[in-house]
C-alpha cells in the first residue's frame, strides 16, 4: 500500500477539477505507463484541452481485464476544508484530499498494480481506461468509447472503481439533463395581467413536473435495491426577470431525471415535452409566441447487470465480497456495457460518506482492500 499512497499523494496535487484542463495529470499517467512497457493511446477531447487514456500490457490476442477510472474531481470552492484539499494529509488511518474517494484512490491503486504487472509475465493483458469530464455527466468516456476497439480492444470484463466500499455494484439509474426556456412578454408591472409572465410559465411547468414525479412515486416502476426505488425528476435551477417593475419575458430552468432502466428515457423526455406544451397553450390566446422549449444537453445510460452474468462472480472473487448492490449515483459503467463490455462497479471509499464533501478522505483499510483486489486480478491475468 505504500506505493499506492505515494502515487495518490502525487495525483491529488493535480488540481484536475472538471472546469480545468487535465493534461498535466494525463502527462504524468502517460509517462508512468510508457516507462513500464504499456501501449498507451491518448484520446484528446474535441477542443484539445483535455484527454483520456487507453493503455494495455500483455498479449494482444487475448481480451484481458480492464480497470476504469476518471481523472477529474469536483470543485472545492465554498467548502469549509480544514486540510489543504490538493495536498494529501494522513491522519486517523485516513488519507485526506480532494479525490481520495472519488476516485483517485482507485486510480492510484491501478497505477501501483501497473507497476507490479510490468515485472510479470502476463497470459492475458491488463487494460486501463482513464477518462475526463465524468463529473459533469460522463462526457469524456462517451467521446472516447468509439476508440476502444481500435486501440486496446474490448476486454472480457471491466471494473469501474467508483466508491462502493469494495462491494460489487451491478446497477444504477440512467440520467438526462435538460434546459427549459420559457418565452413570455415584457411589460410594465402596473399592467402585469395584460402580459405573459415567463416566470408564471416556469412555475406552472414546475407544478407539472412535480405532478409527474408524484405519478412515478405512486404508480411507476419500482426497484427496492435503490434508496429511492423509482425514477426521479428534479428542478435544480431557475432564473428570470431583470427588475421588479418589469414583467419578465424570459425564464430558464435546469432540470434532470434519473430513471430506472424499466422506464424509457425517451418516453420520459416525451412526457416532459408534453407538460411544457400543455402549460404554454392556454397563454397563447393573449400571446401566440408563448412557449417552453426543452433542450436535452446531456445524458448517460444506466446499468443493470444480471447477477448471472459471468462478470459478477468474477469480480466478487477479486473483491472477496458476496454482496451485490445498486448505487444511487451514475457511473461510466453503463457506457461500457452498451459497447459490449461486461462491467460492474467496485472501488474503495464511500460516496455517501465522503464523495464531493469537504475534508474528503478514504480509509487506509479501504485502499489496502483495493490493492488486495488488484493482486487477485493480477493472479487471474497470470493464470
Protein backbone atom coordinates (compact mmCIF):
# COMPACT_ATOMS: atom_id res chain seq x y z
CA UNK A 1 0.00 0.00 0.00
CA UNK A 2 2.97 2.32 0.45
CA UNK A 3 3.38 2.68 -3.31
CA UNK A 4 -0.35 3.36 -3.74
CA UNK A 5 -0.17 6.14 -1.15
CA UNK A 6 2.89 7.65 -2.83
CA UNK A 7 1.07 7.71 -6.17
CA UNK A 8 -2.11 9.04 -4.55
CA UNK A 9 -0.16 11.89 -2.99
CA UNK A 10 1.12 12.85 -6.43
CA UNK A 11 -2.31 12.55 -8.07
CA UNK A 12 -4.01 14.79 -5.50
CA UNK A 13 -1.57 17.62 -6.28
CA UNK A 14 -3.03 17.84 -9.77
CA UNK A 15 -5.99 20.22 -9.47
CA UNK A 16 -7.94 18.31 -12.08
CA UNK A 17 -11.31 19.94 -11.37
CA UNK A 18 -13.62 19.38 -14.34
CA UNK A 19 -13.51 23.09 -15.23
CA UNK A 20 -9.71 22.85 -15.70
CA UNK A 21 -7.58 21.10 -18.28
CA UNK A 22 -6.49 17.62 -17.16
CA UNK A 23 -3.46 17.42 -19.45
CA UNK A 24 -0.95 17.68 -16.58
CA UNK A 25 -2.30 14.59 -14.82
CA UNK A 26 -2.61 12.78 -18.16
CA UNK A 27 1.04 13.61 -18.95
CA UNK A 28 2.05 12.07 -15.62
CA UNK A 29 -0.01 8.91 -16.21
CA UNK A 30 1.17 8.63 -19.83
CA UNK A 31 4.84 8.73 -18.79
CA UNK A 32 4.23 6.38 -15.84
CA UNK A 33 2.69 3.72 -18.08
CA UNK A 34 5.06 4.19 -21.03
CA UNK A 35 8.12 3.65 -18.87
CA UNK A 36 6.59 0.38 -17.66
CA UNK A 37 6.11 -1.02 -21.15
CA UNK A 38 2.41 -0.29 -21.68
CA UNK A 39 0.99 0.56 -25.07
CA UNK A 40 -0.61 3.95 -24.39
CA UNK A 41 -3.20 5.71 -26.54
CA UNK A 42 -4.14 9.29 -25.74
CA UNK A 43 -7.67 10.21 -26.78
CA UNK A 44 -7.96 14.03 -26.94
CA UNK A 45 -11.16 15.96 -26.40
CA UNK A 46 -12.59 17.83 -29.37
CA UNK A 47 -11.02 21.12 -28.22
CA UNK A 48 -7.68 19.52 -27.32
CA UNK A 49 -7.77 20.91 -23.77
CA UNK A 50 -8.34 17.51 -22.19
CA UNK A 51 -7.55 13.89 -22.91
CA UNK A 52 -8.24 10.37 -21.79
CA UNK A 53 -6.04 7.30 -21.95
CA UNK A 54 -6.43 3.71 -23.05
CA UNK A 55 -3.48 1.50 -22.20
CA UNK A 56 -2.63 -2.19 -22.28
CA UNK A 57 0.16 -4.54 -21.23
CA UNK A 58 0.33 -8.17 -22.28
CA UNK A 59 -0.56 -10.41 -25.23
CA UNK A 60 -2.74 -8.58 -27.74
CA UNK A 61 -4.53 -11.71 -28.94
CA UNK A 62 -6.33 -12.13 -25.59
CA UNK A 63 -9.21 -10.00 -24.31
CA UNK A 64 -7.94 -9.33 -20.79
CA UNK A 65 -9.47 -7.35 -17.94
CA UNK A 66 -9.90 -3.58 -17.89
CA UNK A 67 -9.75 -1.21 -14.93
CA UNK A 68 -11.51 2.12 -15.39
CA UNK A 69 -11.32 5.47 -13.58
CA UNK A 70 -11.91 9.15 -14.26
CA UNK A 71 -9.23 11.78 -13.68
CA UNK A 72 -11.45 14.78 -12.90
CA UNK A 73 -12.70 15.86 -9.48
CA UNK A 74 -15.41 18.21 -8.23
CA UNK A 75 -14.56 21.78 -7.09
CA UNK A 76 -13.68 22.78 -3.53
CA UNK A 77 -14.91 26.38 -3.87
CA UNK A 78 -17.05 27.43 -0.91
CA UNK A 79 -16.41 24.24 1.05
CA UNK A 80 -15.04 24.56 4.63
CA UNK A 81 -11.94 22.37 4.35
CA UNK A 82 -9.74 22.03 7.43
CA UNK A 83 -6.91 20.46 5.40
CA UNK A 84 -5.35 21.50 2.09
CA UNK A 85 -7.58 19.78 -0.49
CA UNK A 86 -4.75 19.47 -3.02
CA UNK A 87 -2.13 18.11 -0.66
CA UNK A 88 -2.68 14.70 0.88
CA UNK A 89 -2.92 14.60 4.69
CA UNK A 90 -2.56 11.31 6.58
CA UNK A 91 -4.24 11.11 9.98
CA UNK A 92 -6.55 8.79 11.89
CA UNK A 93 -5.86 5.94 9.45
CA UNK A 94 -7.27 8.05 6.62
CA UNK A 95 -5.90 9.86 3.60
CA UNK A 96 -7.49 13.31 3.17
CA UNK A 97 -7.64 15.32 -0.04
CA UNK A 98 -9.90 16.10 -2.99
CA UNK A 99 -10.45 12.93 -4.97
CA UNK A 100 -9.18 10.47 -2.37
CA UNK A 101 -12.53 8.69 -2.52
CA UNK A 102 -13.88 9.94 -5.86
CA UNK A 103 -11.79 8.45 -7.35
CA UNK A 104 -8.05 8.97 -7.28
CA UNK A 105 -7.62 6.36 -4.56
CA UNK A 106 -8.70 3.70 -7.02
CA UNK A 107 -6.68 5.31 -9.82
CA UNK A 108 -3.56 5.18 -7.61
CA UNK A 109 -4.20 1.51 -6.84
CA UNK A 110 -4.48 0.76 -10.57
CA UNK A 111 -1.18 2.51 -11.31
CA UNK A 112 0.53 0.65 -8.46
CA UNK A 113 -0.81 -2.57 -9.98
CA UNK A 114 0.52 -1.47 -13.37
CA UNK A 115 3.98 -1.16 -11.86
CA UNK A 116 3.76 -4.66 -10.39
CA UNK A 117 2.41 -6.06 -13.66
CA UNK A 118 5.39 -4.66 -15.59
CA UNK A 119 7.67 -7.11 -13.77
CA UNK A 120 5.49 -10.15 -14.51
CA UNK A 121 4.71 -12.39 -17.47
CA UNK A 122 1.02 -11.97 -18.26
CA UNK A 123 -1.01 -14.55 -20.15
CA UNK A 124 -3.84 -12.04 -20.55
CA UNK A 125 -3.47 -8.27 -20.93
CA UNK A 126 -4.06 -5.72 -18.21
CA UNK A 127 -6.11 -2.94 -19.77
CA UNK A 128 -6.73 0.58 -18.47
CA UNK A 129 -9.27 3.30 -19.28
CA UNK A 130 -8.79 6.74 -17.70
CA UNK A 131 -11.31 9.38 -18.74
CA UNK A 132 -12.08 13.07 -18.29
CA UNK A 133 -15.23 15.09 -17.50
CA UNK A 134 -17.03 12.25 -15.74
CA UNK A 135 -18.21 14.63 -13.04
CA UNK A 136 -20.23 16.71 -15.49
CA UNK A 137 -22.19 13.79 -16.92
CA UNK A 138 -19.85 11.04 -18.17
CA UNK A 139 -18.93 13.32 -21.07
CA UNK A 140 -15.38 12.17 -21.73
CA UNK A 141 -15.95 8.43 -21.89
CA UNK A 142 -18.82 8.91 -24.33
CA UNK A 143 -16.38 10.70 -26.63
CA UNK A 144 -13.70 8.06 -26.04
CA UNK A 145 -15.72 4.87 -26.31
CA UNK A 146 -15.64 4.71 -30.11
CA UNK A 147 -11.83 4.35 -29.96
CA UNK A 148 -11.78 1.38 -27.58
CA UNK A 149 -11.94 -1.42 -30.15
CA UNK A 150 -9.34 0.08 -32.48
CA UNK A 151 -6.84 0.84 -29.68
CA UNK A 152 -6.67 -1.79 -26.93
CA UNK A 153 -9.68 -3.91 -27.95
CA UNK A 154 -12.69 -4.99 -25.93
CA UNK A 155 -11.84 -6.73 -22.64
CA UNK A 156 -13.77 -9.69 -21.26
CA UNK A 157 -14.54 -7.75 -18.08
CA UNK A 158 -14.27 -4.22 -16.72
CA UNK A 159 -14.21 -2.84 -13.17
CA UNK A 160 -15.20 0.81 -12.81
CA UNK A 161 -13.66 1.86 -9.49
CA UNK A 162 -16.21 4.33 -8.15
CA UNK A 163 -16.50 4.19 -4.34
CA UNK A 164 -18.68 1.26 -3.22
CA UNK A 165 -16.78 0.31 -0.04
CA UNK A 166 -15.37 -2.56 -2.10
CA UNK A 167 -18.80 -4.11 -2.70
CA UNK A 168 -19.80 -5.14 -6.21
CA UNK A 169 -22.40 -2.79 -7.70
CA UNK A 170 -24.47 -4.16 -10.57
CA UNK A 171 -26.84 -1.27 -11.15
CA UNK A 172 -27.51 2.45 -11.21
CA UNK A 173 -30.07 4.72 -12.85
CA UNK A 174 -29.60 6.49 -16.16
CA UNK A 175 -29.69 10.28 -16.29
CA UNK A 176 -30.62 13.14 -18.62
CA UNK A 177 -30.05 16.87 -18.04
CA UNK A 178 -32.41 19.41 -19.63
CA UNK A 179 -32.82 23.16 -20.09
CA UNK A 180 -36.36 24.54 -20.27
CA UNK A 181 -36.52 28.03 -21.84
CA UNK A 182 -39.76 29.91 -21.15
CA UNK A 183 -40.78 32.65 -23.60
CA UNK A 184 -43.22 35.36 -22.41
CA UNK A 185 -43.76 39.13 -22.79
CA UNK A 186 -42.11 42.23 -21.36
CA UNK A 187 -44.42 44.87 -19.93
CA UNK A 188 -44.91 47.35 -17.12
CA UNK A 189 -45.70 45.62 -13.85
CA UNK A 190 -48.63 48.02 -13.25
CA UNK A 191 -50.32 46.24 -16.16
CA UNK A 192 -48.95 42.79 -15.33
CA UNK A 193 -52.17 40.83 -16.03
CA UNK A 194 -52.07 42.10 -19.62
CA UNK A 195 -48.83 40.26 -20.36
CA UNK A 196 -47.49 36.69 -20.26
CA UNK A 197 -45.07 36.42 -17.35
CA UNK A 198 -42.30 33.95 -18.20
CA UNK A 199 -41.84 33.14 -14.53
CA UNK A 200 -45.50 32.16 -14.38
CA UNK A 201 -44.89 29.81 -17.28
CA UNK A 202 -41.95 28.40 -15.36
CA UNK A 203 -43.89 27.94 -12.13
CA UNK A 204 -46.76 26.19 -13.94
CA UNK A 205 -44.21 23.95 -15.65
CA UNK A 206 -42.62 23.10 -12.29
CA UNK A 207 -46.05 22.19 -10.94
CA UNK A 208 -46.47 19.82 -13.88
CA UNK A 209 -43.06 18.25 -13.23
CA UNK A 210 -43.95 17.72 -9.57
CA UNK A 211 -47.19 16.03 -10.59
CA UNK A 212 -45.26 13.72 -12.91
CA UNK A 213 -42.82 12.94 -10.09
CA UNK A 214 -45.73 12.02 -7.81
CA UNK A 215 -47.06 9.71 -10.51
CA UNK A 216 -43.74 7.88 -10.74
CA UNK A 217 -43.56 7.61 -6.95
CA UNK A 218 -47.08 6.24 -6.58
CA UNK A 219 -47.67 4.27 -9.77
CA UNK A 220 -44.33 3.91 -11.58
CA UNK A 221 -41.83 1.07 -11.82
CA UNK A 222 -40.13 0.21 -8.52
CA UNK A 223 -36.74 -1.30 -7.65
CA UNK A 224 -36.25 -1.82 -3.92
CA UNK A 225 -32.47 -2.11 -4.34
CA UNK A 226 -32.36 1.70 -4.53
CA UNK A 227 -32.85 4.07 -1.59
CA UNK A 228 -35.33 5.92 -3.84
CA UNK A 229 -36.90 2.98 -5.66
CA UNK A 230 -38.49 4.87 -8.57
CA UNK A 231 -37.42 7.25 -11.33
CA UNK A 232 -36.93 10.83 -10.16
CA UNK A 233 -37.34 14.26 -11.75
CA UNK A 234 -35.63 17.26 -10.18
CA UNK A 235 -35.62 21.00 -10.95
CA UNK A 236 -32.30 22.38 -9.75
CA UNK A 237 -32.09 25.94 -11.09
CA UNK A 238 -34.49 28.74 -12.06
CA UNK A 239 -33.60 32.22 -13.30
CA UNK A 240 -35.62 35.04 -14.84
CA UNK A 241 -36.55 38.69 -14.65
CA UNK A 242 -34.42 41.85 -14.71
CA UNK A 243 -36.34 44.22 -12.42
CA UNK A 244 -39.30 44.09 -10.06
CA UNK A 245 -41.36 46.51 -12.13
CA UNK A 246 -40.88 44.69 -15.45
CA UNK A 247 -42.88 41.63 -16.40
CA UNK A 248 -40.20 39.09 -17.36
CA UNK A 249 -40.20 37.77 -20.90
CA UNK A 250 -37.59 35.06 -20.30
CA UNK A 251 -37.12 32.39 -17.65
CA UNK A 252 -34.77 29.41 -17.76
CA UNK A 253 -34.89 26.20 -15.72
CA UNK A 254 -32.38 23.39 -15.45
CA UNK A 255 -33.77 20.00 -14.55
CA UNK A 256 -32.76 16.37 -14.65
CA UNK A 257 -34.33 12.96 -14.48
CA UNK A 258 -32.71 9.79 -13.20
CA UNK A 259 -34.55 6.78 -14.45
CA UNK A 260 -34.77 3.07 -13.85
CA UNK A 261 -33.90 1.04 -16.93
CA UNK A 262 -37.52 -0.14 -16.95
CA UNK A 263 -38.58 3.47 -17.65
CA UNK A 264 -37.67 4.59 -21.15
CA UNK A 265 -35.55 7.74 -21.21
CA UNK A 266 -37.18 8.81 -24.48
CA UNK A 267 -40.66 8.31 -23.09
CA UNK A 268 -39.77 10.36 -20.02
CA UNK A 269 -38.48 13.14 -22.24
CA UNK A 270 -41.67 12.98 -24.32
CA UNK A 271 -43.78 13.33 -21.15
CA UNK A 272 -41.81 16.43 -20.12
CA UNK A 273 -42.22 18.00 -23.58
CA UNK A 274 -45.99 17.36 -23.39
CA UNK A 275 -46.13 19.09 -19.99
CA UNK A 276 -44.33 22.11 -21.48
CA UNK A 277 -46.78 22.28 -24.37
CA UNK A 278 -49.81 21.88 -22.11
CA UNK A 279 -48.59 24.73 -19.90
CA UNK A 280 -47.89 27.14 -22.76
CA UNK A 281 -51.04 26.51 -24.81
CA UNK A 282 -53.55 28.49 -22.65
CA UNK A 283 -51.28 31.55 -22.68
CA UNK A 284 -51.34 31.74 -26.47
CA UNK A 285 -54.80 33.28 -26.52
CA UNK A 286 -53.14 36.56 -25.45
CA UNK A 287 -49.65 35.95 -26.83
CA UNK A 288 -49.19 33.45 -29.69
CA UNK A 289 -45.41 33.30 -29.12
CA UNK A 290 -45.78 31.87 -25.60
CA UNK A 291 -43.80 28.61 -25.41
CA UNK A 292 -41.44 26.45 -23.38
CA UNK A 293 -38.56 24.92 -25.35
CA UNK A 294 -36.93 21.78 -23.96
CA UNK A 295 -33.28 21.04 -24.78
CA UNK A 296 -31.60 17.83 -23.61
CA UNK A 297 -27.92 18.72 -23.31
CA UNK A 298 -26.52 15.66 -21.55
CA UNK A 299 -27.46 12.04 -20.99
CA UNK A 300 -25.81 8.80 -19.97
CA UNK A 301 -27.15 5.24 -19.72
CA UNK A 302 -28.00 3.34 -16.60
CA UNK A 303 -26.62 -0.03 -15.54
CA UNK A 304 -28.44 -3.23 -14.70
CA UNK A 305 -26.19 -6.30 -14.82
CA UNK A 306 -27.74 -9.70 -14.20
CA UNK A 307 -26.27 -11.49 -11.21
CA UNK A 308 -25.91 -14.47 -13.57
CA UNK A 309 -23.52 -12.53 -15.81
CA UNK A 310 -20.02 -14.02 -15.58
CA UNK A 311 -18.51 -10.66 -14.65
CA UNK A 312 -20.36 -10.62 -11.32
CA UNK A 313 -18.87 -13.72 -9.63
CA UNK A 314 -15.52 -12.91 -11.24
CA UNK A 315 -15.29 -9.50 -9.55
CA UNK A 316 -16.88 -10.80 -6.35
CA UNK A 317 -13.93 -13.16 -6.17
CA UNK A 318 -11.46 -10.35 -6.79
CA UNK A 319 -13.10 -8.16 -4.13
CA UNK A 320 -13.78 -11.02 -1.72
CA UNK A 321 -17.35 -9.78 -1.38
CA UNK A 322 -20.50 -11.83 -1.79
CA UNK A 323 -22.80 -8.79 -1.83
CA UNK A 324 -24.39 -7.24 -4.90
CA UNK A 325 -25.67 -3.69 -4.55
CA UNK A 326 -27.07 -0.88 -6.67
CA UNK A 327 -25.80 2.66 -6.22
CA UNK A 328 -27.73 5.94 -6.36
CA UNK A 329 -25.10 7.80 -8.39
CA UNK A 330 -24.21 7.47 -12.05
CA UNK A 331 -21.01 5.94 -13.42
CA UNK A 332 -19.35 5.19 -16.73
CA UNK A 333 -20.24 1.51 -16.41
CA UNK A 334 -23.39 1.87 -18.49
CA UNK A 335 -21.37 3.29 -21.38
CA UNK A 336 -19.01 0.31 -21.35
CA UNK A 337 -21.94 -2.11 -21.10
CA UNK A 338 -23.60 -0.55 -24.16
CA UNK A 339 -20.29 -1.01 -26.01
CA UNK A 340 -20.41 -4.74 -25.31
CA UNK A 341 -18.08 -4.87 -22.29
CA UNK A 342 -19.36 -6.81 -19.22
CA UNK A 343 -18.90 -4.21 -16.47
CA UNK A 344 -19.52 -3.76 -12.76
CA UNK A 345 -18.62 -1.05 -10.26
CA UNK A 346 -16.30 -1.72 -7.31
CA UNK A 347 -13.89 0.62 -5.55
CA UNK A 348 -12.63 1.97 -2.23
CA UNK A 349 -14.40 4.58 -0.13
CA UNK A 350 -17.97 5.67 0.39
CA UNK A 351 -19.71 8.08 -1.99
CA UNK A 352 -22.44 8.75 0.57
CA UNK A 353 -19.95 9.32 3.37
CA UNK A 354 -17.15 11.23 1.64
CA UNK A 355 -17.92 11.91 -2.01
CA UNK A 356 -17.98 15.60 -3.03
CA UNK A 357 -17.71 16.73 0.60
CA UNK A 358 -15.20 19.00 2.38
CA UNK A 359 -12.36 17.10 4.06
CA UNK A 360 -12.91 14.21 1.67
CA UNK A 361 -10.97 11.14 2.74
CA UNK A 362 -10.52 7.45 2.08
CA UNK A 363 -9.82 4.99 4.85
CA UNK A 364 -6.43 3.32 4.52
CA UNK A 365 -8.11 -0.04 5.15
CA UNK A 366 -10.20 0.56 2.01
CA UNK A 367 -7.09 1.27 -0.06
CA UNK A 368 -5.49 -1.86 1.34
CA UNK A 369 -8.54 -3.89 0.34
CA UNK A 370 -8.40 -2.36 -3.14
CA UNK A 371 -4.71 -3.24 -3.52
CA UNK A 372 -5.54 -6.80 -2.47
CA UNK A 373 -8.22 -6.91 -5.17
CA UNK A 374 -5.64 -5.74 -7.71
CA UNK A 375 -3.32 -8.57 -6.65
CA UNK A 376 -6.11 -11.08 -7.33
CA UNK A 377 -6.73 -9.52 -10.75
CA UNK A 378 -3.01 -9.86 -11.48
CA UNK A 379 -3.10 -13.52 -10.44
CA UNK A 380 -6.01 -14.05 -12.85
CA UNK A 381 -4.06 -12.42 -15.68
CA UNK A 382 -1.07 -14.69 -14.99
CA UNK A 383 -3.11 -17.90 -14.70
